[in-house]
N, C-alpha and C. Protein backbone atom coordinates (compact mmCIF):
# COMPACT_ATOMS: atom_id res chain seq x y z
N UNK A 1 -41.02 -84.22 115.00
CA UNK A 1 -41.69 -85.27 114.43
C UNK A 1 -43.05 -85.13 113.57
N UNK A 2 -42.81 -84.90 112.48
CA UNK A 2 -43.98 -84.53 111.45
C UNK A 2 -45.38 -85.63 111.03
N UNK A 3 -46.29 -85.33 110.66
CA UNK A 3 -47.43 -86.23 110.19
C UNK A 3 -47.78 -86.13 109.01
N UNK A 4 -48.10 -86.64 108.62
CA UNK A 4 -48.56 -86.39 106.72
C UNK A 4 -50.05 -86.04 107.07
N UNK A 5 -50.29 -84.87 106.32
CA UNK A 5 -51.75 -84.78 106.32
C UNK A 5 -52.68 -85.31 105.54
N UNK A 6 -52.37 -86.16 104.50
CA UNK A 6 -52.92 -87.20 104.00
C UNK A 6 -52.92 -88.51 104.08
N UNK A 7 -51.91 -88.98 105.33
CA UNK A 7 -51.79 -90.22 105.64
C UNK A 7 -51.48 -90.15 107.10
N UNK A 8 -52.34 -90.39 107.94
CA UNK A 8 -51.66 -90.55 109.38
C UNK A 8 -50.90 -91.37 109.74
N UNK A 9 -50.79 -92.39 108.84
CA UNK A 9 -49.74 -93.64 109.20
C UNK A 9 -48.49 -93.24 108.62
N UNK A 10 -48.01 -91.87 108.21
CA UNK A 10 -46.64 -91.52 107.82
C UNK A 10 -46.36 -90.56 108.61
N UNK A 11 -45.14 -90.59 108.93
CA UNK A 11 -44.47 -89.63 110.20
C UNK A 11 -43.14 -89.54 109.58
N UNK A 12 -42.45 -88.39 109.59
CA UNK A 12 -41.15 -88.04 109.46
C UNK A 12 -40.47 -87.21 110.72
N UNK A 13 -39.32 -88.20 111.31
CA UNK A 13 -38.18 -87.84 112.35
C UNK A 13 -37.22 -87.16 111.98
N UNK A 14 -37.49 -85.74 112.07
CA UNK A 14 -36.36 -85.36 111.91
C UNK A 14 -35.06 -85.04 113.34
N UNK A 15 -33.99 -85.14 112.94
CA UNK A 15 -32.84 -84.50 114.00
C UNK A 15 -31.65 -83.80 113.40
N UNK A 16 -31.17 -83.10 114.20
CA UNK A 16 -30.34 -82.03 113.85
C UNK A 16 -28.94 -82.29 114.60
N UNK A 17 -28.04 -82.28 114.06
CA UNK A 17 -26.19 -82.70 114.58
C UNK A 17 -25.62 -81.49 114.29
N UNK A 18 -24.58 -81.40 114.78
CA UNK A 18 -23.52 -80.34 114.51
C UNK A 18 -22.66 -80.61 113.68
N UNK A 19 -22.27 -81.89 113.87
CA UNK A 19 -21.44 -82.60 112.46
C UNK A 19 -21.89 -83.94 112.00
N UNK A 20 -21.60 -84.59 111.06
CA UNK A 20 -21.33 -85.87 110.63
C UNK A 20 -21.13 -86.91 111.63
N UNK A 21 -20.17 -86.19 112.59
CA UNK A 21 -19.39 -86.95 113.29
C UNK A 21 -20.44 -87.34 114.56
N UNK A 22 -21.07 -86.26 114.80
CA UNK A 22 -21.91 -86.37 115.95
C UNK A 22 -23.08 -87.16 115.63
N UNK A 23 -23.41 -87.41 114.39
CA UNK A 23 -24.84 -88.07 114.07
C UNK A 23 -24.64 -89.72 114.09
N UNK A 24 -22.70 -89.88 113.47
CA UNK A 24 -22.58 -91.16 113.81
C UNK A 24 -22.16 -91.86 115.33
N UNK A 25 -22.03 -90.66 115.86
CA UNK A 25 -21.79 -91.25 117.37
C UNK A 25 -23.66 -91.18 118.00
N UNK A 26 -24.40 -90.59 117.75
CA UNK A 26 -25.83 -90.77 118.44
C UNK A 26 -25.93 -92.16 118.11
N UNK A 27 -25.79 -92.61 116.60
CA UNK A 27 -26.18 -93.76 116.12
C UNK A 27 -25.52 -95.35 117.23
N UNK A 28 -24.73 -94.89 117.95
CA UNK A 28 -23.92 -95.86 118.33
C UNK A 28 -24.22 -95.55 120.23
N UNK A 29 -25.24 -94.82 120.40
CA UNK A 29 -25.82 -94.58 121.87
C UNK A 29 -26.69 -96.27 121.84
N UNK A 30 -26.17 -96.60 123.33
CA UNK A 30 -27.58 -97.76 123.79
C UNK A 30 -28.64 -97.14 123.72
N UNK A 31 -29.41 -95.85 123.88
CA UNK A 31 -30.92 -95.69 123.60
C UNK A 31 -31.09 -95.73 122.21
N UNK A 32 -30.41 -95.11 121.14
CA UNK A 32 -30.75 -95.18 119.76
C UNK A 32 -30.46 -96.62 119.41
N UNK A 33 -30.02 -97.62 119.69
CA UNK A 33 -29.71 -99.16 119.46
C UNK A 33 -31.33 -99.52 119.72
N UNK A 34 -31.36 -99.26 121.30
CA UNK A 34 -32.67 -99.85 121.64
C UNK A 34 -34.27 -99.60 120.99
N UNK A 35 -34.07 -98.08 120.50
CA UNK A 35 -35.02 -97.35 119.86
C UNK A 35 -35.09 -98.17 118.41
N UNK A 36 -34.26 -98.21 117.66
CA UNK A 36 -34.03 -98.71 116.63
C UNK A 36 -34.67 -100.26 116.21
N UNK A 37 -34.33 -101.31 117.42
CA UNK A 37 -34.85 -102.09 117.49
C UNK A 37 -36.10 -102.81 117.92
N UNK A 38 -36.91 -101.59 118.92
CA UNK A 38 -38.30 -101.57 118.99
C UNK A 38 -38.97 -101.14 117.84
N UNK A 39 -38.55 -100.43 117.02
CA UNK A 39 -39.46 -99.84 116.05
C UNK A 39 -39.40 -100.14 114.61
N UNK A 40 -38.36 -101.15 114.80
CA UNK A 40 -38.31 -101.93 113.34
C UNK A 40 -39.50 -102.58 112.85
N UNK A 41 -40.01 -103.46 113.16
CA UNK A 41 -41.75 -103.40 113.38
C UNK A 41 -42.75 -102.76 112.85
N UNK A 42 -42.73 -101.87 113.51
CA UNK A 42 -43.84 -100.62 112.95
C UNK A 42 -43.52 -100.34 111.83
N UNK A 43 -42.30 -100.23 110.98
CA UNK A 43 -41.97 -99.43 109.49
C UNK A 43 -42.69 -100.16 108.29
N UNK A 44 -43.21 -99.62 107.65
CA UNK A 44 -43.79 -99.81 106.66
C UNK A 44 -42.95 -100.05 105.74
N UNK A 45 -41.88 -99.25 105.44
CA UNK A 45 -40.54 -99.56 104.55
C UNK A 45 -39.22 -99.44 105.59
N UNK A 46 -37.98 -99.56 104.88
CA UNK A 46 -36.83 -99.59 105.64
C UNK A 46 -36.60 -97.70 105.85
N UNK A 47 -36.17 -97.54 107.11
CA UNK A 47 -35.98 -96.44 107.38
C UNK A 47 -35.02 -95.62 106.51
N UNK A 48 -34.84 -94.25 106.21
CA UNK A 48 -33.66 -93.81 105.28
C UNK A 48 -33.82 -92.03 105.68
N UNK A 49 -32.29 -92.00 105.77
CA UNK A 49 -31.63 -90.39 106.16
C UNK A 49 -31.36 -89.47 104.52
N UNK A 50 -31.97 -88.48 105.09
CA UNK A 50 -31.64 -87.75 103.78
C UNK A 50 -30.87 -86.51 104.40
N UNK A 51 -29.56 -86.01 104.12
CA UNK A 51 -28.64 -85.09 104.76
C UNK A 51 -29.18 -84.03 104.38
N UNK A 52 -29.80 -82.75 104.87
CA UNK A 52 -29.80 -81.68 104.61
C UNK A 52 -29.09 -80.75 105.48
N UNK A 53 -28.93 -79.36 104.87
CA UNK A 53 -28.09 -78.34 105.49
C UNK A 53 -28.93 -77.23 106.27
N UNK A 54 -28.86 -77.45 107.79
CA UNK A 54 -29.56 -76.31 108.23
C UNK A 54 -29.90 -75.20 107.91
N UNK A 55 -30.81 -74.09 108.05
CA UNK A 55 -30.69 -72.34 107.29
C UNK A 55 -30.71 -71.91 108.77
N UNK A 56 -32.55 -72.20 109.30
CA UNK A 56 -32.43 -71.40 110.74
C UNK A 56 -32.56 -72.61 112.02
N UNK A 57 -32.92 -72.37 113.25
CA UNK A 57 -32.04 -70.88 113.20
C UNK A 57 -30.56 -71.03 112.95
N UNK A 58 -30.11 -69.76 112.64
CA UNK A 58 -28.76 -69.87 112.33
C UNK A 58 -27.58 -69.71 113.51
């Protein structure tokens, strides 16, 4: 998790998966669904994903 230095209420949660299928499978787990429900009201704007390519560690 990262916090913006100029806005202490803004965070970035980043996750890495071996494949898109792994990311999809994670989003179907009970703990993810419970987390999503629990934090929904805490979000100033809707969550969004930004797919990236991992470089390090290789």
